[in-house]
All heavy atoms as atom14 arrays in JSON, in Angstrom:
{
  "sequence": "SRRGLIASVLSRLELREGSDQRGVVDTTRLVNVPWPADSACPHGSAS",
  "atom14_mask": [
    [1, 1, 1, 1, 1, 1, 0, 0, 0, 0, 0, 0, 0, 0],
    [1, 1, 1, 1, 1, 1, 1, 1, 1, 1, 1, 0, 0, 0],
    [1, 1, 1, 1, 1, 1, 1, 1, 1, 1, 1, 0, 0, 0],
    [1, 1, 1, 1, 0, 0, 0, 0, 0, 0, 0, 0, 0, 0],
    [1, 1, 1, 1, 1, 1, 1, 1, 0, 0, 0, 0, 0, 0],
    [1, 1, 1, 1, 1, 1, 1, 1, 0, 0, 0, 0, 0, 0],
    [1, 1, 1, 1, 1, 0, 0, 0, 0, 0, 0, 0, 0, 0],
    [1, 1, 1, 1, 1, 1, 0, 0, 0, 0, 0, 0, 0, 0],
    [1, 1, 1, 1, 1, 1, 1, 0, 0, 0, 0, 0, 0, 0],
    [1, 1, 1, 1, 1, 1, 1, 1, 0, 0, 0, 0, 0, 0],
    [1, 1, 1, 1, 1, 1, 0, 0, 0, 0, 0, 0, 0, 0],
    [1, 1, 1, 1, 1, 1, 1, 1, 1, 1, 1, 0, 0, 0],
    [1, 1, 1, 1, 1, 1, 1, 1, 0, 0, 0, 0, 0, 0],
    [1, 1, 1, 1, 1, 1, 1, 1, 1, 0, 0, 0, 0, 0],
    [1, 1, 1, 1, 1, 1, 1, 1, 0, 0, 0, 0, 0, 0],
    [1, 1, 1, 1, 1, 1, 1, 1, 1, 1, 1, 0, 0, 0],
    [1, 1, 1, 1, 1, 1, 1, 1, 1, 0, 0, 0, 0, 0],
    [1, 1, 1, 1, 0, 0, 0, 0, 0, 0, 0, 0, 0, 0],
    [1, 1, 1, 1, 1, 1, 0, 0, 0, 0, 0, 0, 0, 0],
    [1, 1, 1, 1, 1, 1, 1, 1, 0, 0, 0, 0, 0, 0],
    [1, 1, 1, 1, 1, 1, 1, 1, 1, 0, 0, 0, 0, 0],
    [1, 1, 1, 1, 1, 1, 1, 1, 1, 1, 1, 0, 0, 0],
    [1, 1, 1, 1, 0, 0, 0, 0, 0, 0, 0, 0, 0, 0],
    [1, 1, 1, 1, 1, 1, 1, 0, 0, 0, 0, 0, 0, 0],
    [1, 1, 1, 1, 1, 1, 1, 0, 0, 0, 0, 0, 0, 0],
    [1, 1, 1, 1, 1, 1, 1, 1, 0, 0, 0, 0, 0, 0],
    [1, 1, 1, 1, 1, 1, 1, 0, 0, 0, 0, 0, 0, 0],
    [1, 1, 1, 1, 1, 1, 1, 0, 0, 0, 0, 0, 0, 0],
    [1, 1, 1, 1, 1, 1, 1, 1, 1, 1, 1, 0, 0, 0],
    [1, 1, 1, 1, 1, 1, 1, 1, 0, 0, 0, 0, 0, 0],
    [1, 1, 1, 1, 1, 1, 1, 0, 0, 0, 0, 0, 0, 0],
    [1, 1, 1, 1, 1, 1, 1, 1, 0, 0, 0, 0, 0, 0],
    [1, 1, 1, 1, 1, 1, 1, 0, 0, 0, 0, 0, 0, 0],
    [1, 1, 1, 1, 1, 1, 1, 0, 0, 0, 0, 0, 0, 0],
    [1, 1, 1, 1, 1, 1, 1, 1, 1, 1, 1, 1, 1, 1],
    [1, 1, 1, 1, 1, 1, 1, 0, 0, 0, 0, 0, 0, 0],
    [1, 1, 1, 1, 1, 0, 0, 0, 0, 0, 0, 0, 0, 0],
    [1, 1, 1, 1, 1, 1, 1, 1, 0, 0, 0, 0, 0, 0],
    [1, 1, 1, 1, 1, 1, 0, 0, 0, 0, 0, 0, 0, 0],
    [1, 1, 1, 1, 1, 0, 0, 0, 0, 0, 0, 0, 0, 0],
    [1, 1, 1, 1, 1, 1, 0, 0, 0, 0, 0, 0, 0, 0],
    [1, 1, 1, 1, 1, 1, 1, 0, 0, 0, 0, 0, 0, 0],
    [1, 1, 1, 1, 1, 1, 1, 1, 1, 1, 0, 0, 0, 0],
    [1, 1, 1, 1, 0, 0, 0, 0, 0, 0, 0, 0, 0, 0],
    [1, 1, 1, 1, 1, 1, 0, 0, 0, 0, 0, 0, 0, 0],
    [1, 1, 1, 1, 1, 0, 0, 0, 0, 0, 0, 0, 0, 0],
    [1, 1, 1, 1, 1, 1, 0, 0, 0, 0, 0, 0, 0, 0]
  ],
  "atom14_positions": [
    [[-6.83, 11.57, -3.88], [-7.66, 12.21, -2.92], [-9.12, 11.85, -3.03], [-9.76, 11.73, -2.1], [-7.44, 13.63, -2.68], [-8.01, 14.48, -3.57], [0.0, 0.0, 0.0], [0.0, 0.0, 0.0], [0.0, 0.0, 0.0], [0.0, 0.0, 0.0], [0.0, 0.0, 0.0], [0.0, 0.0, 0.0], [0.0, 0.0, 0.0], [0.0, 0.0, 0.0]],
    [[-9.6, 11.71, -4.34], [-11.03, 11.5, -4.46], [-11.46, 10.19, -3.89], [-12.34, 10.0, -3.17], [-11.4, 11.71, -5.89], [-12.81, 11.36, -6.16], [-13.22, 11.65, -7.6], [-14.64, 11.29, -7.9], [-15.07, 10.97, -9.02], [-14.33, 10.79, -10.01], [-16.31, 10.69, -9.14], [0.0, 0.0, 0.0], [0.0, 0.0, 0.0], [0.0, 0.0, 0.0]],
    [[-10.72, 9.17, -4.3], [-10.99, 7.83, -3.85], [-10.71, 7.7, -2.24], [-11.37, 7.04, -1.65], [-10.06, 6.71, -4.56], [-10.36, 5.3, -4.14], [-10.43, 4.47, -5.31], [-10.69, 3.14, -5.01], [-11.83, 2.42, -4.63], [-12.97, 3.17, -4.82], [-11.87, 1.29, -4.37], [0.0, 0.0, 0.0], [0.0, 0.0, 0.0], [0.0, 0.0, 0.0]],
    [[-9.65, 8.24, -1.89], [-9.32, 8.29, -0.37], [-10.35, 8.92, 0.4], [-10.74, 8.54, 1.57], [0.0, 0.0, 0.0], [0.0, 0.0, 0.0], [0.0, 0.0, 0.0], [0.0, 0.0, 0.0], [0.0, 0.0, 0.0], [0.0, 0.0, 0.0], [0.0, 0.0, 0.0], [0.0, 0.0, 0.0], [0.0, 0.0, 0.0], [0.0, 0.0, 0.0]],
    [[-11.0, 10.16, -0.14], [-12.03, 10.77, 0.53], [-13.26, 9.92, 0.71], [-13.84, 9.78, 1.71], [-12.36, 12.12, -0.18], [-13.45, 12.97, 0.32], [-13.24, 13.4, 1.83], [-13.74, 14.15, -0.49], [0.0, 0.0, 0.0], [0.0, 0.0, 0.0], [0.0, 0.0, 0.0], [0.0, 0.0, 0.0], [0.0, 0.0, 0.0], [0.0, 0.0, 0.0]],
    [[-13.64, 9.19, -0.43], [-14.85, 8.35, -0.43], [-14.61, 7.26, 0.65], [-15.51, 7.0, 1.4], [-15.0, 7.8, -1.76], [-15.48, 8.98, -2.76], [-15.97, 6.65, -1.81], [-15.6, 8.48, -4.14], [0.0, 0.0, 0.0], [0.0, 0.0, 0.0], [0.0, 0.0, 0.0], [0.0, 0.0, 0.0], [0.0, 0.0, 0.0], [0.0, 0.0, 0.0]],
    [[-13.41, 6.59, 0.57], [-13.18, 5.48, 1.43], [-13.23, 6.01, 2.91], [-13.71, 5.25, 3.87], [-11.82, 4.83, 1.18], [0.0, 0.0, 0.0], [0.0, 0.0, 0.0], [0.0, 0.0, 0.0], [0.0, 0.0, 0.0], [0.0, 0.0, 0.0], [0.0, 0.0, 0.0], [0.0, 0.0, 0.0], [0.0, 0.0, 0.0], [0.0, 0.0, 0.0]],
    [[-12.6, 7.13, 3.16], [-12.57, 7.6, 4.62], [-13.92, 7.97, 5.09], [-14.31, 7.57, 6.27], [-11.59, 8.93, 4.61], [-11.49, 9.28, 5.9], [0.0, 0.0, 0.0], [0.0, 0.0, 0.0], [0.0, 0.0, 0.0], [0.0, 0.0, 0.0], [0.0, 0.0, 0.0], [0.0, 0.0, 0.0], [0.0, 0.0, 0.0], [0.0, 0.0, 0.0]],
    [[-14.69, 8.64, 4.3], [-16.05, 9.12, 4.75], [-16.85, 7.77, 4.99], [-17.65, 7.55, 5.96], [-16.75, 9.99, 3.75], [-18.24, 10.05, 4.08], [-16.08, 11.24, 3.74], [0.0, 0.0, 0.0], [0.0, 0.0, 0.0], [0.0, 0.0, 0.0], [0.0, 0.0, 0.0], [0.0, 0.0, 0.0], [0.0, 0.0, 0.0], [0.0, 0.0, 0.0]],
    [[-16.8, 6.8, 4.01], [-17.59, 5.51, 4.21], [-17.2, 4.76, 5.54], [-17.95, 4.24, 6.35], [-17.31, 4.61, 3.02], [-18.08, 5.05, 1.72], [-17.81, 4.12, 0.6], [-19.61, 5.27, 1.97], [0.0, 0.0, 0.0], [0.0, 0.0, 0.0], [0.0, 0.0, 0.0], [0.0, 0.0, 0.0], [0.0, 0.0, 0.0], [0.0, 0.0, 0.0]],
    [[-15.83, 4.85, 5.87], [-15.39, 4.22, 6.99], [-15.85, 4.83, 8.29], [-16.18, 4.16, 9.19], [-13.71, 4.2, 6.92], [-13.28, 3.68, 8.11], [0.0, 0.0, 0.0], [0.0, 0.0, 0.0], [0.0, 0.0, 0.0], [0.0, 0.0, 0.0], [0.0, 0.0, 0.0], [0.0, 0.0, 0.0], [0.0, 0.0, 0.0], [0.0, 0.0, 0.0]],
    [[-15.84, 6.16, 8.22], [-16.31, 6.9, 9.47], [-17.86, 6.66, 9.62], [-18.28, 6.7, 10.72], [-16.14, 8.3, 9.33], [-14.75, 8.81, 9.13], [-13.75, 8.46, 10.24], [-13.31, 7.19, 10.55], [-12.51, 6.34, 9.99], [-11.94, 6.75, 8.99], [-12.33, 5.13, 10.33], [0.0, 0.0, 0.0], [0.0, 0.0, 0.0], [0.0, 0.0, 0.0]],
    [[-18.5, 6.37, 8.54], [-20.01, 6.06, 8.63], [-20.16, 4.66, 8.92], [-21.38, 4.09, 8.96], [-20.67, 6.5, 7.41], [-20.63, 8.07, 7.11], [-21.28, 8.31, 5.73], [-21.36, 8.67, 8.18], [0.0, 0.0, 0.0], [0.0, 0.0, 0.0], [0.0, 0.0, 0.0], [0.0, 0.0, 0.0], [0.0, 0.0, 0.0], [0.0, 0.0, 0.0]],
    [[-19.11, 3.84, 9.16], [-19.2, 2.41, 9.32], [-19.77, 1.54, 8.21], [-20.44, 0.68, 8.34], [-19.9, 2.07, 10.61], [-19.17, 2.69, 11.79], [-19.66, 2.39, 13.11], [-20.65, 1.7, 13.25], [-19.11, 2.92, 14.24], [0.0, 0.0, 0.0], [0.0, 0.0, 0.0], [0.0, 0.0, 0.0], [0.0, 0.0, 0.0], [0.0, 0.0, 0.0]],
    [[-19.36, 2.18, 7.0], [-19.84, 1.36, 5.73], [-18.48, 0.95, 5.03], [-17.46, 1.64, 5.3], [-20.59, 2.25, 4.85], [-21.88, 2.92, 5.37], [-22.45, 3.91, 4.38], [-22.87, 1.85, 5.69], [0.0, 0.0, 0.0], [0.0, 0.0, 0.0], [0.0, 0.0, 0.0], [0.0, 0.0, 0.0], [0.0, 0.0, 0.0], [0.0, 0.0, 0.0]],
    [[-18.49, -0.05, 4.43], [-17.16, -0.51, 3.79], [-17.37, -0.68, 2.21], [-18.37, -1.08, 1.73], [-16.88, -1.93, 4.38], [-16.5, -1.85, 5.84], [-15.01, -1.36, 6.15], [-14.81, -1.35, 7.44], [-14.45, -0.32, 8.17], [-14.3, 0.88, 7.76], [-14.04, -0.46, 9.54], [0.0, 0.0, 0.0], [0.0, 0.0, 0.0], [0.0, 0.0, 0.0]],
    [[-16.34, -0.32, 1.61], [-16.17, -0.64, 0.25], [-15.45, -1.86, 0.04], [-14.38, -2.02, 0.69], [-15.35, 0.51, -0.51], [-15.99, 1.6, -1.22], [-15.13, 2.44, -1.95], [-14.03, 2.81, -1.56], [-15.63, 2.88, -3.03], [0.0, 0.0, 0.0], [0.0, 0.0, 0.0], [0.0, 0.0, 0.0], [0.0, 0.0, 0.0], [0.0, 0.0, 0.0]],
    [[-15.88, -2.83, -0.75], [-15.15, -4.0, -1.08], [-14.98, -4.95, 0.06], [-15.87, -5.01, 0.94], [0.0, 0.0, 0.0], [0.0, 0.0, 0.0], [0.0, 0.0, 0.0], [0.0, 0.0, 0.0], [0.0, 0.0, 0.0], [0.0, 0.0, 0.0], [0.0, 0.0, 0.0], [0.0, 0.0, 0.0], [0.0, 0.0, 0.0], [0.0, 0.0, 0.0]],
    [[-13.77, -5.63, 0.25], [-13.7, -6.77, 1.25], [-13.42, -6.21, 2.7], [-13.24, -5.08, 2.91], [-12.65, -7.63, 0.82], [-11.34, -6.9, 0.81], [0.0, 0.0, 0.0], [0.0, 0.0, 0.0], [0.0, 0.0, 0.0], [0.0, 0.0, 0.0], [0.0, 0.0, 0.0], [0.0, 0.0, 0.0], [0.0, 0.0, 0.0], [0.0, 0.0, 0.0]],
    [[-13.37, -7.21, 3.45], [-13.03, -6.96, 4.97], [-11.81, -6.16, 5.16], [-10.82, -6.52, 4.53], [-13.04, -8.43, 5.67], [-12.78, -8.23, 7.09], [-13.05, -7.21, 7.63], [-12.27, -9.25, 7.67], [0.0, 0.0, 0.0], [0.0, 0.0, 0.0], [0.0, 0.0, 0.0], [0.0, 0.0, 0.0], [0.0, 0.0, 0.0], [0.0, 0.0, 0.0]],
    [[-11.75, -5.2, 5.98], [-10.67, -4.34, 6.19], [-9.98, -4.62, 7.49], [-9.09, -3.95, 7.94], [-11.05, -2.8, 6.33], [-11.75, -2.38, 5.07], [-10.75, -2.25, 3.8], [-9.6, -1.76, 4.12], [-11.15, -2.64, 2.71], [0.0, 0.0, 0.0], [0.0, 0.0, 0.0], [0.0, 0.0, 0.0], [0.0, 0.0, 0.0], [0.0, 0.0, 0.0]],
    [[-10.27, -5.82, 8.13], [-9.56, -6.05, 9.48], [-8.13, -6.18, 9.29], [-7.51, -6.8, 8.49], [-10.17, -7.37, 9.96], [-9.99, -7.59, 11.41], [-10.65, -8.96, 11.77], [-9.55, -9.84, 11.67], [-9.63, -11.11, 11.87], [-10.69, -11.59, 12.5], [-8.62, -11.99, 11.78], [0.0, 0.0, 0.0], [0.0, 0.0, 0.0], [0.0, 0.0, 0.0]],
    [[-7.36, -5.6, 10.27], [-5.95, -5.74, 10.3], [-5.23, -4.98, 9.42], [-4.04, -4.92, 9.12], [0.0, 0.0, 0.0], [0.0, 0.0, 0.0], [0.0, 0.0, 0.0], [0.0, 0.0, 0.0], [0.0, 0.0, 0.0], [0.0, 0.0, 0.0], [0.0, 0.0, 0.0], [0.0, 0.0, 0.0], [0.0, 0.0, 0.0], [0.0, 0.0, 0.0]],
    [[-6.02, -3.84, 8.91], [-5.4, -2.88, 7.97], [-5.46, -1.42, 8.51], [-6.41, -1.03, 9.09], [-6.14, -2.89, 6.54], [-5.68, -1.8, 5.69], [-6.1, -4.24, 5.85], [0.0, 0.0, 0.0], [0.0, 0.0, 0.0], [0.0, 0.0, 0.0], [0.0, 0.0, 0.0], [0.0, 0.0, 0.0], [0.0, 0.0, 0.0], [0.0, 0.0, 0.0]],
    [[-4.32, -0.68, 8.37], [-4.25, 0.62, 8.96], [-4.93, 1.61, 8.07], [-4.78, 1.64, 6.79], [-2.76, 1.04, 9.17], [-2.68, 2.45, 9.59], [-2.13, 0.09, 10.25], [0.0, 0.0, 0.0], [0.0, 0.0, 0.0], [0.0, 0.0, 0.0], [0.0, 0.0, 0.0], [0.0, 0.0, 0.0], [0.0, 0.0, 0.0], [0.0, 0.0, 0.0]],
    [[-5.65, 2.59, 8.48], [-6.29, 3.7, 7.87], [-5.31, 4.72, 7.61], [-4.76, 5.46, 8.62], [-7.51, 4.28, 8.69], [-8.39, 5.44, 8.01], [-7.75, 5.84, 6.87], [-9.35, 5.76, 8.54], [0.0, 0.0, 0.0], [0.0, 0.0, 0.0], [0.0, 0.0, 0.0], [0.0, 0.0, 0.0], [0.0, 0.0, 0.0], [0.0, 0.0, 0.0]],
    [[-4.9, 4.96, 6.33], [-3.76, 5.96, 5.94], [-4.39, 7.32, 6.0], [-3.43, 8.25, 5.87], [-3.13, 5.63, 4.62], [-4.14, 5.61, 3.67], [-2.54, 4.14, 4.64], [0.0, 0.0, 0.0], [0.0, 0.0, 0.0], [0.0, 0.0, 0.0], [0.0, 0.0, 0.0], [0.0, 0.0, 0.0], [0.0, 0.0, 0.0], [0.0, 0.0, 0.0]],
    [[-5.6, 7.63, 6.24], [-6.0, 8.94, 6.57], [-6.14, 9.4, 7.97], [-6.4, 10.61, 8.12], [-7.46, 9.13, 5.79], [-8.47, 8.49, 6.58], [-7.5, 8.67, 4.31], [0.0, 0.0, 0.0], [0.0, 0.0, 0.0], [0.0, 0.0, 0.0], [0.0, 0.0, 0.0], [0.0, 0.0, 0.0], [0.0, 0.0, 0.0], [0.0, 0.0, 0.0]],
    [[-5.91, 8.35, 8.81], [-6.1, 8.71, 10.16], [-4.88, 9.47, 10.74], [-3.76, 9.05, 10.66], [-6.2, 7.43, 11.08], [-6.25, 7.7, 12.53], [-7.64, 8.12, 12.91], [-7.72, 8.17, 14.3], [-8.72, 8.97, 14.97], [-9.49, 9.59, 14.26], [-8.68, 9.01, 16.17], [0.0, 0.0, 0.0], [0.0, 0.0, 0.0], [0.0, 0.0, 0.0]],
    [[-5.09, 10.62, 11.24], [-4.12, 11.51, 11.84], [-3.66, 10.87, 13.16], [-4.53, 11.01, 14.03], [-4.49, 12.97, 11.87], [-3.52, 13.96, 12.45], [-2.27, 13.99, 11.46], [-4.1, 15.4, 12.43], [0.0, 0.0, 0.0], [0.0, 0.0, 0.0], [0.0, 0.0, 0.0], [0.0, 0.0, 0.0], [0.0, 0.0, 0.0], [0.0, 0.0, 0.0]],
    [[-2.46, 10.31, 13.27], [-1.98, 9.72, 14.54], [-1.18, 10.74, 15.36], [-0.17, 11.16, 14.91], [-1.2, 8.53, 14.18], [-0.72, 7.87, 15.58], [-2.05, 7.51, 13.36], [0.0, 0.0, 0.0], [0.0, 0.0, 0.0], [0.0, 0.0, 0.0], [0.0, 0.0, 0.0], [0.0, 0.0, 0.0], [0.0, 0.0, 0.0], [0.0, 0.0, 0.0]],
    [[-1.75, 11.15, 16.46], [-1.04, 12.12, 17.27], [-0.95, 11.71, 18.82], [-2.11, 11.58, 19.49], [-2.0, 13.51, 17.34], [-1.22, 14.59, 18.02], [-0.05, 14.56, 18.13], [-2.04, 15.48, 18.44], [0.0, 0.0, 0.0], [0.0, 0.0, 0.0], [0.0, 0.0, 0.0], [0.0, 0.0, 0.0], [0.0, 0.0, 0.0], [0.0, 0.0, 0.0]],
    [[0.24, 11.32, 19.25], [0.43, 10.86, 20.58], [1.28, 11.8, 21.27], [2.42, 11.7, 21.21], [0.95, 9.39, 20.49], [1.28, 8.93, 21.89], [0.15, 8.42, 19.74], [0.0, 0.0, 0.0], [0.0, 0.0, 0.0], [0.0, 0.0, 0.0], [0.0, 0.0, 0.0], [0.0, 0.0, 0.0], [0.0, 0.0, 0.0], [0.0, 0.0, 0.0]],
    [[0.57, 12.69, 22.07], [1.47, 13.6, 22.91], [2.11, 12.69, 24.06], [1.54, 12.2, 24.83], [0.48, 14.62, 23.44], [-0.74, 14.53, 22.65], [-0.71, 13.05, 22.15], [0.0, 0.0, 0.0], [0.0, 0.0, 0.0], [0.0, 0.0, 0.0], [0.0, 0.0, 0.0], [0.0, 0.0, 0.0], [0.0, 0.0, 0.0], [0.0, 0.0, 0.0]],
    [[3.46, 12.65, 23.96], [4.06, 11.83, 24.96], [4.13, 12.57, 26.38], [4.38, 13.76, 26.4], [5.56, 11.5, 24.62], [6.1, 10.3, 25.04], [6.87, 10.09, 26.16], [6.06, 9.16, 24.44], [7.19, 8.91, 26.33], [6.87, 8.2, 25.29], [5.31, 8.51, 23.28], [6.82, 6.75, 25.02], [5.46, 7.16, 22.98], [6.17, 6.39, 23.94]],
    [[3.76, 11.9, 27.43], [3.5, 12.59, 28.7], [4.97, 13.11, 29.24], [5.96, 12.26, 29.18], [2.96, 11.51, 29.6], [2.97, 10.15, 28.87], [3.24, 10.43, 27.42], [0.0, 0.0, 0.0], [0.0, 0.0, 0.0], [0.0, 0.0, 0.0], [0.0, 0.0, 0.0], [0.0, 0.0, 0.0], [0.0, 0.0, 0.0], [0.0, 0.0, 0.0]],
    [[5.0, 14.18, 29.74], [6.16, 14.85, 30.22], [6.76, 14.05, 31.51], [7.92, 14.18, 31.74], [6.01, 16.4, 30.7], [0.0, 0.0, 0.0], [0.0, 0.0, 0.0], [0.0, 0.0, 0.0], [0.0, 0.0, 0.0], [0.0, 0.0, 0.0], [0.0, 0.0, 0.0], [0.0, 0.0, 0.0], [0.0, 0.0, 0.0], [0.0, 0.0, 0.0]],
    [[5.87, 13.51, 32.31], [6.28, 12.82, 33.46], [6.58, 11.35, 33.23], [6.82, 10.47, 34.14], [5.13, 12.8, 34.5], [3.79, 12.22, 34.14], [3.74, 11.73, 32.74], [2.85, 12.15, 34.87], [0.0, 0.0, 0.0], [0.0, 0.0, 0.0], [0.0, 0.0, 0.0], [0.0, 0.0, 0.0], [0.0, 0.0, 0.0], [0.0, 0.0, 0.0]],
    [[6.69, 10.99, 31.93], [7.15, 9.56, 31.64], [8.7, 9.45, 31.94], [9.47, 10.4, 31.78], [6.92, 9.33, 30.15], [7.62, 8.27, 29.59], [0.0, 0.0, 0.0], [0.0, 0.0, 0.0], [0.0, 0.0, 0.0], [0.0, 0.0, 0.0], [0.0, 0.0, 0.0], [0.0, 0.0, 0.0], [0.0, 0.0, 0.0], [0.0, 0.0, 0.0]],
    [[8.98, 8.23, 32.2], [10.39, 7.92, 32.5], [11.34, 7.96, 31.16], [12.42, 7.94, 31.23], [10.52, 6.56, 33.06], [0.0, 0.0, 0.0], [0.0, 0.0, 0.0], [0.0, 0.0, 0.0], [0.0, 0.0, 0.0], [0.0, 0.0, 0.0], [0.0, 0.0, 0.0], [0.0, 0.0, 0.0], [0.0, 0.0, 0.0], [0.0, 0.0, 0.0]],
    [[10.56, 8.01, 29.97], [11.16, 8.01, 28.72], [11.54, 9.42, 28.26], [10.57, 10.27, 28.21], [10.25, 7.29, 27.76], [10.85, 7.46, 25.99], [0.0, 0.0, 0.0], [0.0, 0.0, 0.0], [0.0, 0.0, 0.0], [0.0, 0.0, 0.0], [0.0, 0.0, 0.0], [0.0, 0.0, 0.0], [0.0, 0.0, 0.0], [0.0, 0.0, 0.0]],
    [[12.71, 9.74, 27.99], [13.17, 11.11, 27.58], [13.14, 11.34, 26.08], [13.4, 12.35, 25.63], [14.58, 11.16, 28.01], [15.14, 9.86, 27.83], [13.95, 8.89, 28.31], [0.0, 0.0, 0.0], [0.0, 0.0, 0.0], [0.0, 0.0, 0.0], [0.0, 0.0, 0.0], [0.0, 0.0, 0.0], [0.0, 0.0, 0.0], [0.0, 0.0, 0.0]],
    [[12.3, 10.31, 25.4], [12.45, 10.54, 23.99], [11.05, 11.09, 23.3], [10.71, 10.98, 22.17], [12.72, 9.18, 23.32], [14.01, 8.63, 23.65], [14.15, 7.63, 24.7], [15.33, 8.99, 23.49], [15.39, 7.47, 24.99], [16.15, 8.27, 24.24], [0.0, 0.0, 0.0], [0.0, 0.0, 0.0], [0.0, 0.0, 0.0], [0.0, 0.0, 0.0]],
    [[10.23, 11.6, 24.24], [8.87, 12.02, 23.85], [8.73, 13.08, 22.81], [7.9, 13.16, 22.03], [0.0, 0.0, 0.0], [0.0, 0.0, 0.0], [0.0, 0.0, 0.0], [0.0, 0.0, 0.0], [0.0, 0.0, 0.0], [0.0, 0.0, 0.0], [0.0, 0.0, 0.0], [0.0, 0.0, 0.0], [0.0, 0.0, 0.0], [0.0, 0.0, 0.0]],
    [[9.97, 13.87, 22.58], [9.96, 14.95, 21.59], [9.95, 14.25, 20.24], [9.76, 14.96, 19.25], [11.08, 15.82, 21.74], [12.33, 15.09, 21.7], [0.0, 0.0, 0.0], [0.0, 0.0, 0.0], [0.0, 0.0, 0.0], [0.0, 0.0, 0.0], [0.0, 0.0, 0.0], [0.0, 0.0, 0.0], [0.0, 0.0, 0.0], [0.0, 0.0, 0.0]],
    [[10.26, 13.02, 20.11], [10.32, 12.27, 18.81], [8.88, 12.04, 18.26], [8.73, 11.6, 17.13], [11.02, 10.92, 18.85], [0.0, 0.0, 0.0], [0.0, 0.0, 0.0], [0.0, 0.0, 0.0], [0.0, 0.0, 0.0], [0.0, 0.0, 0.0], [0.0, 0.0, 0.0], [0.0, 0.0, 0.0], [0.0, 0.0, 0.0], [0.0, 0.0, 0.0]],
    [[7.98, 12.12, 19.19], [6.54, 11.91, 18.77], [5.85, 13.1, 18.17], [5.7, 14.17, 18.79], [5.63, 11.5, 19.95], [4.46, 11.17, 19.58], [0.0, 0.0, 0.0], [0.0, 0.0, 0.0], [0.0, 0.0, 0.0], [0.0, 0.0, 0.0], [0.0, 0.0, 0.0], [0.0, 0.0, 0.0], [0.0, 0.0, 0.0], [0.0, 0.0, 0.0]]
  ]
}
């Protein structure tokens, strides 16, 4: 968590440690996609 905290804070401040991060997912980003109830897809509860 110490290294992750440093990397996350620097990323939020738009500073980078090391090389180009393009095309790489931020593993600290909380991904939350509330699936719309009016969607034609009935699988929204899986999100």
